[in-house]
PDB file of N, CA and C in Angstrom:
ATOM      1  N   UNK A   1      16.639   2.988  -5.695  1.00  0.00           N
ATOM      2  CA  UNK A   1      15.647   3.247  -4.659  1.00  0.00           C
ATOM      3  C   UNK A   1      16.137   2.684  -3.338  1.00  0.00           C
ATOM      4  N   UNK A   2      15.656   3.243  -2.262  1.00  0.00           N
ATOM      5  CA  UNK A   2      16.054   2.765  -0.952  1.00  0.00           C
ATOM      6  C   UNK A   2      15.060   1.734  -0.438  1.00  0.00           C
ATOM      7  N   UNK A   3      15.489   1.011   0.587  1.00  0.00           N
ATOM      8  CA  UNK A   3      14.629   0.014   1.199  1.00  0.00           C
ATOM      9  C   UNK A   3      13.676   0.699   2.169  1.00  0.00           C
ATOM     10  N   UNK A   4      12.411   0.309   2.098  1.00  0.00           N
ATOM     11  CA  UNK A   4      11.412   0.899   2.982  1.00  0.00           C
ATOM     12  C   UNK A   4      10.999  -0.030   4.098  1.00  0.00           C
ATOM     13  N   UNK A   5      11.650  -1.188   4.211  1.00  0.00           N
ATOM     14  CA  UNK A   5      11.240  -2.133   5.228  1.00  0.00           C
ATOM     15  C   UNK A   5      12.064  -2.028   6.503  1.00  0.00           C
ATOM     16  N   UNK A   6      13.125  -1.224   6.493  1.00  0.00           N
ATOM     17  CA  UNK A   6      14.010  -1.168   7.627  1.00  0.00           C
ATOM     18  C   UNK A   6      13.383  -0.478   8.835  1.00  0.00           C
ATOM     19  N   UNK A   7      12.524   0.475   8.638  1.00  0.00           N
ATOM     20  CA  UNK A   7      11.906   1.201   9.742  1.00  0.00           C
ATOM     21  C   UNK A   7      10.481   1.556   9.354  1.00  0.00           C
ATOM     22  N   UNK A   8       9.525   0.855   9.964  1.00  0.00           N
ATOM     23  CA  UNK A   8       8.120   1.097   9.644  1.00  0.00           C
ATOM     24  C   UNK A   8       7.409   1.858  10.756  1.00  0.00           C
ATOM     25  N   UNK A   9       8.149   2.571  11.572  1.00  0.00           N
ATOM     26  CA  UNK A   9       7.530   3.328  12.645  1.00  0.00           C
ATOM     27  C   UNK A   9       6.646   4.426  12.046  1.00  0.00           C
ATOM     28  N   UNK A  10       5.603   4.809  12.757  1.00  0.00           N
ATOM     29  CA  UNK A  10       4.737   5.880  12.231  1.00  0.00           C
ATOM     30  C   UNK A  10       5.518   7.141  11.899  1.00  0.00           C
ATOM     31  N   UNK A  11       6.515   7.469  12.713  1.00  0.00           N
ATOM     32  CA  UNK A  11       7.298   8.671  12.462  1.00  0.00           C
ATOM     33  C   UNK A  11       8.056   8.569  11.141  1.00  0.00           C
ATOM     34  N   UNK A  12       8.663   7.401  10.890  1.00  0.00           N
ATOM     35  CA  UNK A  12       9.443   7.226   9.659  1.00  0.00           C
ATOM     36  C   UNK A  12       8.535   7.190   8.434  1.00  0.00           C
ATOM     37  N   UNK A  13       7.375   6.564   8.549  1.00  0.00           N
ATOM     38  CA  UNK A  13       6.423   6.558   7.428  1.00  0.00           C
ATOM     39  C   UNK A  13       6.010   7.984   7.103  1.00  0.00           C
ATOM     40  N   UNK A  14       5.714   8.790   8.117  1.00  0.00           N
ATOM     41  CA  UNK A  14       5.340  10.187   7.878  1.00  0.00           C
ATOM     42  C   UNK A  14       6.489  10.963   7.242  1.00  0.00           C
ATOM     43  N   UNK A  15       7.728  10.704   7.671  1.00  0.00           N
ATOM     44  CA  UNK A  15       8.885  11.354   7.046  1.00  0.00           C
ATOM     45  C   UNK A  15       8.968  11.009   5.562  1.00  0.00           C
ATOM     46  N   UNK A  16       8.776   9.737   5.255  1.00  0.00           N
ATOM     47  CA  UNK A  16       8.840   9.291   3.857  1.00  0.00           C
ATOM     48  C   UNK A  16       7.746   9.948   3.024  1.00  0.00           C
ATOM     49  N   UNK A  17       6.561  10.027   3.591  1.00  0.00           N
ATOM     50  CA  UNK A  17       5.462  10.663   2.867  1.00  0.00           C
ATOM     51  C   UNK A  17       5.770  12.137   2.621  1.00  0.00           C
ATOM     52  N   UNK A  18       6.356  12.794   3.600  1.00  0.00           N
ATOM     53  CA  UNK A  18       6.711  14.201   3.432  1.00  0.00           C
ATOM     54  C   UNK A  18       7.812  14.370   2.385  1.00  0.00           C
ATOM     55  N   UNK A  19       8.743  13.417   2.330  1.00  0.00           N
ATOM     56  CA  UNK A  19       9.819  13.475   1.345  1.00  0.00           C
ATOM     57  C   UNK A  19       9.277  13.359  -0.081  1.00  0.00           C
ATOM     58  N   UNK A  20       8.378  12.425  -0.284  1.00  0.00           N
ATOM     59  CA  UNK A  20       7.915  12.129  -1.642  1.00  0.00           C
ATOM     60  C   UNK A  20       6.689  12.936  -2.049  1.00  0.00           C
ATOM     61  N   UNK A  21       5.889  13.314  -1.084  1.00  0.00           N
ATOM     62  CA  UNK A  21       4.749  14.207  -1.270  1.00  0.00           C
ATOM     63  C   UNK A  21       3.738  13.730  -2.306  1.00  0.00           C
ATOM     64  N   UNK A  22       3.807  12.465  -2.681  1.00  0.00           N
ATOM     65  CA  UNK A  22       2.865  11.950  -3.663  1.00  0.00           C
ATOM     66  C   UNK A  22       2.619  10.471  -3.383  1.00  0.00           C
ATOM     67  N   UNK A  23       1.355  10.108  -3.237  1.00  0.00           N
ATOM     68  CA  UNK A  23       0.977   8.715  -3.057  1.00  0.00           C
ATOM     69  C   UNK A  23       0.096   8.335  -4.235  1.00  0.00           C
ATOM     70  N   UNK A  24       0.481   7.293  -4.950  1.00  0.00           N
ATOM     71  CA  UNK A  24      -0.360   6.780  -6.026  1.00  0.00           C
ATOM     72  C   UNK A  24      -1.430   5.906  -5.380  1.00  0.00           C
ATOM     73  N   UNK A  25      -2.676   6.322  -5.490  1.00  0.00           N
ATOM     74  CA  UNK A  25      -3.792   5.581  -4.908  1.00  0.00           C
ATOM     75  C   UNK A  25      -4.430   4.752  -6.017  1.00  0.00           C
ATOM     76  N   UNK A  26      -4.438   3.430  -5.817  1.00  0.00           N
ATOM     77  CA  UNK A  26      -4.966   2.513  -6.816  1.00  0.00           C
ATOM     78  C   UNK A  26      -6.292   1.955  -6.319  1.00  0.00           C
ATOM     79  N   UNK A  27      -7.333   2.256  -7.059  1.00  0.00           N
ATOM     80  CA  UNK A  27      -8.677   1.756  -6.780  1.00  0.00           C
ATOM     81  C   UNK A  27      -9.179   1.153  -8.082  1.00  0.00           C
ATOM     82  N   UNK A  28      -9.525  -0.127  -8.047  1.00  0.00           N
ATOM     83  CA  UNK A  28      -9.874  -0.807  -9.286  1.00  0.00           C
ATOM     84  C   UNK A  28     -11.038  -1.763  -9.062  1.00  0.00           C
ATOM     85  N   UNK A  29     -11.670  -2.133 -10.158  1.00  0.00           N
ATOM     86  CA  UNK A  29     -12.778  -3.075 -10.105  1.00  0.00           C
ATOM     87  C   UNK A  29     -12.326  -4.522 -10.037  1.00  0.00           C
ATOM     88  N   UNK A  30     -11.056  -4.778 -10.373  1.00  0.00           N
ATOM     89  CA  UNK A  30     -10.530  -6.138 -10.301  1.00  0.00           C
ATOM     90  C   UNK A  30      -9.114  -6.122  -9.740  1.00  0.00           C
ATOM     91  N   UNK A  31      -8.735  -7.223  -9.123  1.00  0.00           N
ATOM     92  CA  UNK A  31      -7.381  -7.354  -8.597  1.00  0.00           C
ATOM     93  C   UNK A  31      -6.358  -7.317  -9.726  1.00  0.00           C
ATOM     94  N   UNK A  32      -6.695  -7.942 -10.847  1.00  0.00           N
ATOM     95  CA  UNK A  32      -5.767  -7.983 -11.976  1.00  0.00           C
ATOM     96  C   UNK A  32      -5.467  -6.580 -12.493  1.00  0.00           C
ATOM     97  N   UNK A  33      -6.497  -5.756 -12.632  1.00  0.00           N
ATOM     98  CA  UNK A  33      -6.280  -4.381 -13.084  1.00  0.00           C
ATOM     99  C   UNK A  33      -5.460  -3.595 -12.068  1.00  0.00           C
ATOM    100  N   UNK A  34      -5.730  -3.807 -10.776  1.00  0.00           N
ATOM    101  CA  UNK A  34      -4.968  -3.106  -9.737  1.00  0.00           C
ATOM    102  C   UNK A  34      -3.494  -3.478  -9.809  1.00  0.00           C
ATOM    103  N   UNK A  35      -3.205  -4.765 -10.013  1.00  0.00           N
ATOM    104  CA  UNK A  35      -1.812  -5.196 -10.142  1.00  0.00           C
ATOM    105  C   UNK A  35      -1.155  -4.595 -11.371  1.00  0.00           C
ATOM    106  N   UNK A  36      -1.862  -4.604 -12.485  1.00  0.00           N
ATOM    107  CA  UNK A  36      -1.314  -4.065 -13.726  1.00  0.00           C
ATOM    108  C   UNK A  36      -0.992  -2.577 -13.579  1.00  0.00           C
ATOM    109  N   UNK A  37      -1.931  -1.817 -13.067  1.00  0.00           N
ATOM    110  CA  UNK A  37      -1.726  -0.377 -12.891  1.00  0.00           C
ATOM    111  C   UNK A  37      -0.598  -0.121 -11.890  1.00  0.00           C
ATOM    112  N   UNK A  38      -0.577  -0.866 -10.805  1.00  0.00           N
ATOM    113  CA  UNK A  38       0.461  -0.683  -9.792  1.00  0.00           C
ATOM    114  C   UNK A  38       1.845  -0.950 -10.358  1.00  0.00           C
ATOM    115  N   UNK A  39       1.972  -2.010 -11.116  1.00  0.00           N
ATOM    116  CA  UNK A  39       3.270  -2.318 -11.731  1.00  0.00           C
ATOM    117  C   UNK A  39       3.696  -1.221 -12.701  1.00  0.00           C
ATOM    118  N   UNK A  40       2.740  -0.681 -13.437  1.00  0.00           N
ATOM    119  CA  UNK A  40       3.057   0.421 -14.352  1.00  0.00           C
ATOM    120  C   UNK A  40       3.492   1.663 -13.576  1.00  0.00           C
ATOM    121  N   UNK A  41       2.842   1.939 -12.461  1.00  0.00           N
ATOM    122  CA  UNK A  41       3.215   3.089 -11.641  1.00  0.00           C
ATOM    123  C   UNK A  41       4.631   2.932 -11.084  1.00  0.00           C
ATOM    124  N   UNK A  42       4.956   1.740 -10.599  1.00  0.00           N
ATOM    125  CA  UNK A  42       6.307   1.494 -10.073  1.00  0.00           C
ATOM    126  C   UNK A  42       7.332   1.643 -11.195  1.00  0.00           C
ATOM    127  N   UNK A  43       7.023   1.098 -12.356  1.00  0.00           N
ATOM    128  CA  UNK A  43       7.935   1.218 -13.500  1.00  0.00           C
ATOM    129  C   UNK A  43       8.135   2.677 -13.899  1.00  0.00           C
ATOM    130  N   UNK A  44       7.113   3.506 -13.681  1.00  0.00           N
ATOM    131  CA  UNK A  44       7.206   4.927 -14.018  1.00  0.00           C
ATOM    132  C   UNK A  44       7.920   5.735 -12.938  1.00  0.00           C
ATOM    133  N   UNK A  45       8.258   5.100 -11.813  1.00  0.00           N
ATOM    134  CA  UNK A  45       9.026   5.786 -10.788  1.00  0.00           C
ATOM    135  C   UNK A  45       8.305   6.069  -9.486  1.00  0.00           C
ATOM    136  N   UNK A  46       7.039   5.745  -9.383  1.00  0.00           N
ATOM    137  CA  UNK A  46       6.335   5.932  -8.110  1.00  0.00           C
ATOM    138  C   UNK A  46       6.845   4.902  -7.114  1.00  0.00           C
ATOM    139  N   UNK A  47       7.149   5.352  -5.900  1.00  0.00           N
ATOM    140  CA  UNK A  47       7.609   4.400  -4.897  1.00  0.00           C
ATOM    141  C   UNK A  47       6.776   4.431  -3.629  1.00  0.00           C
ATOM    142  N   UNK A  48       5.618   5.088  -3.689  1.00  0.00           N
ATOM    143  CA  UNK A  48       4.679   5.102  -2.580  1.00  0.00           C
ATOM    144  C   UNK A  48       3.293   4.825  -3.146  1.00  0.00           C
ATOM    145  N   UNK A  49       2.733   3.652  -2.805  1.00  0.00           N
ATOM    146  CA  UNK A  49       1.443   3.239  -3.351  1.00  0.00           C
ATOM    147  C   UNK A  49       0.468   2.855  -2.247  1.00  0.00           C
ATOM    148  N   UNK A  50      -0.776   3.167  -2.477  1.00  0.00           N
ATOM    149  CA  UNK A  50      -1.871   2.717  -1.628  1.00  0.00           C
ATOM    150  C   UNK A  50      -2.814   1.896  -2.494  1.00  0.00           C
ATOM    151  N   UNK A  51      -3.153   0.702  -2.023  1.00  0.00           N
ATOM    152  CA  UNK A  51      -4.165  -0.128  -2.662  1.00  0.00           C
ATOM    153  C   UNK A  51      -5.401  -0.034  -1.779  1.00  0.00           C
ATOM    154  N   UNK A  52      -6.491   0.485  -2.338  1.00  0.00           N
ATOM    155  CA  UNK A  52      -7.686   0.663  -1.515  1.00  0.00           C
ATOM    156  C   UNK A  52      -8.394  -0.664  -1.295  1.00  0.00           C
ATOM    157  N   UNK A  53      -9.000  -0.789  -0.144  1.00  0.00           N
ATOM    158  CA  UNK A  53      -9.762  -1.995   0.174  1.00  0.00           C
ATOM    159  C   UNK A  53     -11.142  -1.989  -0.468  1.00  0.00           C
ATOM    160  N   UNK A  54     -11.401  -1.019  -1.324  1.00  0.00           N
ATOM    161  CA  UNK A  54     -12.585  -1.102  -2.178  1.00  0.00           C
ATOM    162  C   UNK A  54     -12.260  -1.926  -3.423  1.00  0.00           C
ATOM    163  N   UNK A  55     -10.990  -2.268  -3.616  1.00  0.00           N
ATOM    164  CA  UNK A  55     -10.533  -3.134  -4.709  1.00  0.00           C
ATOM    165  C   UNK A  55     -10.730  -4.583  -4.280  1.00  0.00           C
ATOM    166  N   UNK A  56     -11.377  -5.409  -5.109  1.00  0.00           N
ATOM    167  CA  UNK A  56     -11.544  -6.819  -4.751  1.00  0.00           C
ATOM    168  C   UNK A  56     -10.184  -7.489  -4.506  1.00  0.00           C
ATOM    169  N   UNK A  57     -10.130  -8.341  -3.482  1.00  0.00           N
ATOM    170  CA  UNK A  57      -8.912  -9.083  -3.146  1.00  0.00           C
ATOM    171  C   UNK A  57      -7.713  -8.171  -2.889  1.00  0.00           C
ATOM    172  N   UNK A  58      -7.963  -7.045  -2.242  1.00  0.00           N
ATOM    173  CA  UNK A  58      -6.898  -6.066  -1.981  1.00  0.00           C
ATOM    174  C   UNK A  58      -5.741  -6.679  -1.207  1.00  0.00           C
ATOM    175  N   UNK A  59      -6.014  -7.564  -0.267  1.00  0.00           N
ATOM    176  CA  UNK A  59      -4.935  -8.184   0.510  1.00  0.00           C
ATOM    177  C   UNK A  59      -4.015  -8.972  -0.403  1.00  0.00           C
ATOM    178  N   UNK A  60      -4.583  -9.703  -1.352  1.00  0.00           N
ATOM    179  CA  UNK A  60      -3.755 -10.466  -2.286  1.00  0.00           C
ATOM    180  C   UNK A  60      -2.958  -9.545  -3.207  1.00  0.00           C
ATOM    181  N   UNK A  61      -3.563  -8.428  -3.592  1.00  0.00           N
ATOM    182  CA  UNK A  61      -2.842  -7.449  -4.404  1.00  0.00           C
ATOM    183  C   UNK A  61      -1.635  -6.931  -3.622  1.00  0.00           C
ATOM    184  N   UNK A  62      -1.829  -6.596  -2.350  1.00  0.00           N
ATOM    185  CA  UNK A  62      -0.736  -6.121  -1.513  1.00  0.00           C
ATOM    186  C   UNK A  62       0.356  -7.185  -1.379  1.00  0.00           C
ATOM    187  N   UNK A  63      -0.040  -8.423  -1.129  1.00  0.00           N
ATOM    188  CA  UNK A  63       0.943  -9.506  -0.988  1.00  0.00           C
ATOM    189  C   UNK A  63       1.737  -9.707  -2.281  1.00  0.00           C
ATOM    190  N   UNK A  64       1.042  -9.678  -3.406  1.00  0.00           N
ATOM    191  CA  UNK A  64       1.713  -9.873  -4.690  1.00  0.00           C
ATOM    192  C   UNK A  64       2.694  -8.746  -4.973  1.00  0.00           C
ATOM    193  N   UNK A  65       2.263  -7.507  -4.730  1.00  0.00           N
ATOM    194  CA  UNK A  65       3.166  -6.372  -4.950  1.00  0.00           C
ATOM    195  C   UNK A  65       4.368  -6.432  -4.025  1.00  0.00           C
ATOM    196  N   UNK A  66       4.146  -6.827  -2.785  1.00  0.00           N
ATOM    197  CA  UNK A  66       5.258  -6.953  -1.829  1.00  0.00           C
ATOM    198  C   UNK A  66       6.250  -7.986  -2.359  1.00  0.00           C
ATOM    199  N   UNK A  67       5.745  -9.117  -2.872  1.00  0.00           N
ATOM    200  CA  UNK A  67       6.635 -10.153  -3.413  1.00  0.00           C
ATOM    201  C   UNK A  67       7.352  -9.658  -4.669  1.00  0.00           C
ATOM    202  N   UNK A  68       6.638  -8.925  -5.527  1.00  0.00           N
ATOM    203  CA  UNK A  68       7.215  -8.429  -6.785  1.00  0.00           C
ATOM    204  C   UNK A  68       8.241  -7.323  -6.563  1.00  0.00           C
ATOM    205  N   UNK A  69       7.928  -6.408  -5.668  1.00  0.00           N
ATOM    206  CA  UNK A  69       8.731  -5.191  -5.525  1.00  0.00           C
ATOM    207  C   UNK A  69       9.665  -5.221  -4.325  1.00  0.00           C
ATOM    208  N   UNK A  70       9.505  -6.197  -3.475  1.00  0.00           N
ATOM    209  CA  UNK A  70      10.350  -6.255  -2.290  1.00  0.00           C
ATOM    210  C   UNK A  70      10.181  -5.012  -1.448  1.00  0.00           C
ATOM    211  N   UNK A  71      11.290  -4.507  -0.985  1.00  0.00           N
ATOM    212  CA  UNK A  71      11.271  -3.355  -0.089  1.00  0.00           C
ATOM    213  C   UNK A  71      11.569  -2.051  -0.818  1.00  0.00           C
ATOM    214  N   UNK A  72      11.453  -2.054  -2.134  1.00  0.00           N
ATOM    215  CA  UNK A  72      11.776  -0.858  -2.904  1.00  0.00           C
ATOM    216  C   UNK A  72      10.670   0.183  -2.890  1.00  0.00           C
ATOM    217  N   UNK A  73       9.472  -0.209  -2.439  1.00  0.00           N
ATOM    218  CA  UNK A  73       8.366   0.745  -2.409  1.00  0.00           C
ATOM    219  C   UNK A  73       7.762   0.788  -1.014  1.00  0.00           C
ATOM    220  N   UNK A  74       7.154   1.903  -0.707  1.00  0.00           N
ATOM    221  CA  UNK A  74       6.346   2.033   0.500  1.00  0.00           C
ATOM    222  C   UNK A  74       4.935   1.693   0.073  1.00  0.00           C
ATOM    223  N   UNK A  75       4.386   0.635   0.634  1.00  0.00           N
ATOM    224  CA  UNK A  75       3.114   0.089   0.193  1.00  0.00           C
ATOM    225  C   UNK A  75       2.138   0.040   1.347  1.00  0.00           C
ATOM    226  N   UNK A  76       0.916   0.491   1.094  1.00  0.00           N
ATOM    227  CA  UNK A  76      -0.081   0.463   2.147  1.00  0.00           C
ATOM    228  C   UNK A  76      -1.455   0.122   1.630  1.00  0.00           C
ATOM    229  N   UNK A  77      -2.288  -0.318   2.553  1.00  0.00           N
ATOM    230  CA  UNK A  77      -3.696  -0.555   2.267  1.00  0.00           C
ATOM    231  C   UNK A  77      -4.478   0.666   2.680  1.00  0.00           C
ATOM    232  N   UNK A  78      -5.485   1.015   1.910  1.00  0.00           N
ATOM    233  CA  UNK A  78      -6.251   2.218   2.219  1.00  0.00           C
ATOM    234  C   UNK A  78      -7.748   1.972   2.231  1.00  0.00           C
ATOM    235  N   UNK A  79      -8.458   2.976   2.686  1.00  0.00           N
ATOM    236  CA  UNK A  79      -9.909   2.927   2.827  1.00  0.00           C
ATOM    237  C   UNK A  79     -10.293   1.751   3.724  1.00  0.00           C
ATOM    238  N   UNK A  80      -9.538   1.578   4.804  1.00  0.00           N
ATOM    239  CA  UNK A  80      -9.823   0.530   5.785  1.00  0.00           C
ATOM    240  C   UNK A  80     -11.101   0.928   6.518  1.00  0.00           C
ATOM    241  N   UNK A  81     -12.095   0.064   6.461  1.00  0.00           N
ATOM    242  CA  UNK A  81     -13.393   0.442   7.033  1.00  0.00           C
ATOM    243  C   UNK A  81     -13.831  -0.436   8.196  1.00  0.00           C
ATOM    244  N   UNK A  82     -13.005  -1.363   8.610  1.00  0.00           N
ATOM    245  CA  UNK A  82     -13.391  -2.207   9.740  1.00  0.00           C
ATOM    246  C   UNK A  82     -12.205  -2.967  10.288  1.00  0.00           C
ATOM    247  N   UNK A  83     -12.408  -3.582  11.439  1.00  0.00           N
ATOM    248  CA  UNK A  83     -11.321  -4.323  12.091  1.00  0.00           C
ATOM    249  C   UNK A  83     -10.820  -5.476  11.238  1.00  0.00           C
ATOM    250  N   UNK A  84     -11.720  -6.149  10.532  1.00  0.00           N
ATOM    251  CA  UNK A  84     -11.294  -7.274   9.701  1.00  0.00           C
ATOM    252  C   UNK A  84     -10.327  -6.806   8.616  1.00  0.00           C
ATOM    253  N   UNK A  85     -10.639  -5.706   7.950  1.00  0.00           N
ATOM    254  CA  UNK A  85      -9.744  -5.169   6.932  1.00  0.00           C
ATOM    255  C   UNK A  85      -8.440  -4.692   7.557  1.00  0.00           C
ATOM    256  N   UNK A  86      -8.521  -4.069   8.712  1.00  0.00           N
ATOM    257  CA  UNK A  86      -7.305  -3.612   9.387  1.00  0.00           C
ATOM    258  C   UNK A  86      -6.416  -4.798   9.719  1.00  0.00           C
ATOM    259  N   UNK A  87      -7.019  -5.888  10.156  1.00  0.00           N
ATOM    260  CA  UNK A  87      -6.250  -7.094  10.450  1.00  0.00           C
ATOM    261  C   UNK A  87      -5.638  -7.667   9.176  1.00  0.00           C
ATOM    262  N   UNK A  88      -6.400  -7.705   8.084  1.00  0.00           N
ATOM    263  CA  UNK A  88      -5.898  -8.239   6.820  1.00  0.00           C
ATOM    264  C   UNK A  88      -4.787  -7.373   6.239  1.00  0.00           C
ATOM    265  N   UNK A  89      -4.859  -6.078   6.468  1.00  0.00           N
ATOM    266  CA  UNK A  89      -3.887  -5.146   5.888  1.00  0.00           C
ATOM    267  C   UNK A  89      -2.521  -5.221   6.553  1.00  0.00           C
ATOM    268  N   UNK A  90      -2.412  -5.809   7.703  1.00  0.00           N
ATOM    269  CA  UNK A  90      -1.127  -5.849   8.363  1.00  0.00           C
ATOM    270  C   UNK A  90      -0.872  -7.200   8.994  1.00  0.00           C
ATOM    271  N   UNK A  91       0.342  -7.464   9.399  1.00  0.00           N
ATOM    272  CA  UNK A  91       1.491  -6.585   9.343  1.00  0.00           C
ATOM    273  C   UNK A  91       2.286  -6.680   8.049  1.00  0.00           C
ATOM    274  N   UNK A  92       2.142  -7.720   7.238  1.00  0.00           N
ATOM    275  CA  UNK A  92       3.008  -7.850   6.071  1.00  0.00           C
ATOM    276  C   UNK A  92       2.389  -7.559   4.715  1.00  0.00           C
ATOM    277  N   UNK A  93       1.078  -7.625   4.504  1.00  0.00           N
ATOM    278  CA  UNK A  93       0.600  -7.324   3.147  1.00  0.00           C
ATOM    279  C   UNK A  93       1.021  -5.938   2.685  1.00  0.00           C
ATOM    280  N   UNK A  94       0.955  -4.963   3.536  1.00  0.00           N
ATOM    281  CA  UNK A  94       1.449  -3.626   3.239  1.00  0.00           C
ATOM    282  C   UNK A  94       2.256  -3.179   4.432  1.00  0.00           C
ATOM    283  N   UNK A  95       2.948  -2.079   4.307  1.00  0.00           N
ATOM    284  CA  UNK A  95       3.741  -1.607   5.432  1.00  0.00           C
ATOM    285  C   UNK A  95       2.964  -0.644   6.307  1.00  0.00           C
ATOM    286  N   UNK A  96       1.891  -0.139   5.794  1.00  0.00           N
ATOM    287  CA  UNK A  96       1.095   0.797   6.563  1.00  0.00           C
ATOM    288  C   UNK A  96      -0.334   0.710   6.058  1.00  0.00           C
ATOM    289  N   UNK A  97      -1.242   1.373   6.747  1.00  0.00           N
ATOM    290  CA  UNK A  97      -2.633   1.386   6.290  1.00  0.00           C
ATOM    291  C   UNK A  97      -3.254   2.726   6.642  1.00  0.00           C
ATOM    292  N   UNK A  98      -4.251   3.093   5.856  1.00  0.00           N
ATOM    293  CA  UNK A  98      -4.946   4.355   6.041  1.00  0.00           C
ATOM    294  C   UNK A  98      -6.437   4.099   6.145  1.00  0.00           C
ATOM    295  N   UNK A  99      -7.070   4.858   7.009  1.00  0.00           N
ATOM    296  CA  UNK A  99      -8.501   4.699   7.210  1.00  0.00           C
ATOM    297  C   UNK A  99      -9.155   6.072   7.268  1.00  0.00           C
ATOM    298  N   UNK A 100     -10.337   6.215   6.654  1.00  0.00           N
ATOM    299  CA  UNK A 100     -11.038   7.492   6.754  1.00  0.00           C
ATOM    300  C   UNK A 100     -11.608   7.717   8.158  1.00  0.00           C
ATOM    301  N   UNK A 101     -11.609   6.654   8.954  1.00  0.00           N
ATOM    302  CA  UNK A 101     -12.074   6.750  10.334  1.00  0.00           C
ATOM    303  C   UNK A 101     -11.436   5.623  11.123  1.00  0.00           C
ATOM    304  N   UNK A 102     -11.594   5.647  12.446  1.00  0.00           N
ATOM    305  CA  UNK A 102     -11.049   4.576  13.258  1.00  0.00           C
ATOM    306  C   UNK A 102     -11.891   3.317  13.038  1.00  0.00           C
ATOM    307  N   UNK A 103     -11.246   2.182  12.653  1.00  0.00           N
ATOM    308  CA  UNK A 103     -12.015   0.943  12.440  1.00  0.00           C
ATOM    309  C   UNK A 103     -12.732   0.525  13.699  1.00  0.00           C
ATOM    310  N   UNK A 104     -13.963   0.066  13.524  1.00  0.00           N
ATOM    311  CA  UNK A 104     -14.753  -0.386  14.676  1.00  0.00           C
ATOM    312  C   UNK A 104     -15.056  -1.855  14.574  1.00  0.00           C
TER     313      UNK A 104
END
């Protein structure tokens, strides 16, 4: 796998998404389950993951996955619903973040 930390520009993230055309979206009732499922997805070959902020302790899940997987995956926080979550989601817990609307 290639390193995804070398260029996190919006243009490069969009290129990567277009290349892989599949994002594994992890939404779970517990952080432990989210980590377990995410690790299984990476082991199965997925290299683009979104951890939704509807998952408890999503920031910690992102940090743990970043530590476990290094730069081998493109990792982002999703379902960002406010400025606090947007702040928590970056710059290092995930490489990118997605929101259904502009955080207010």
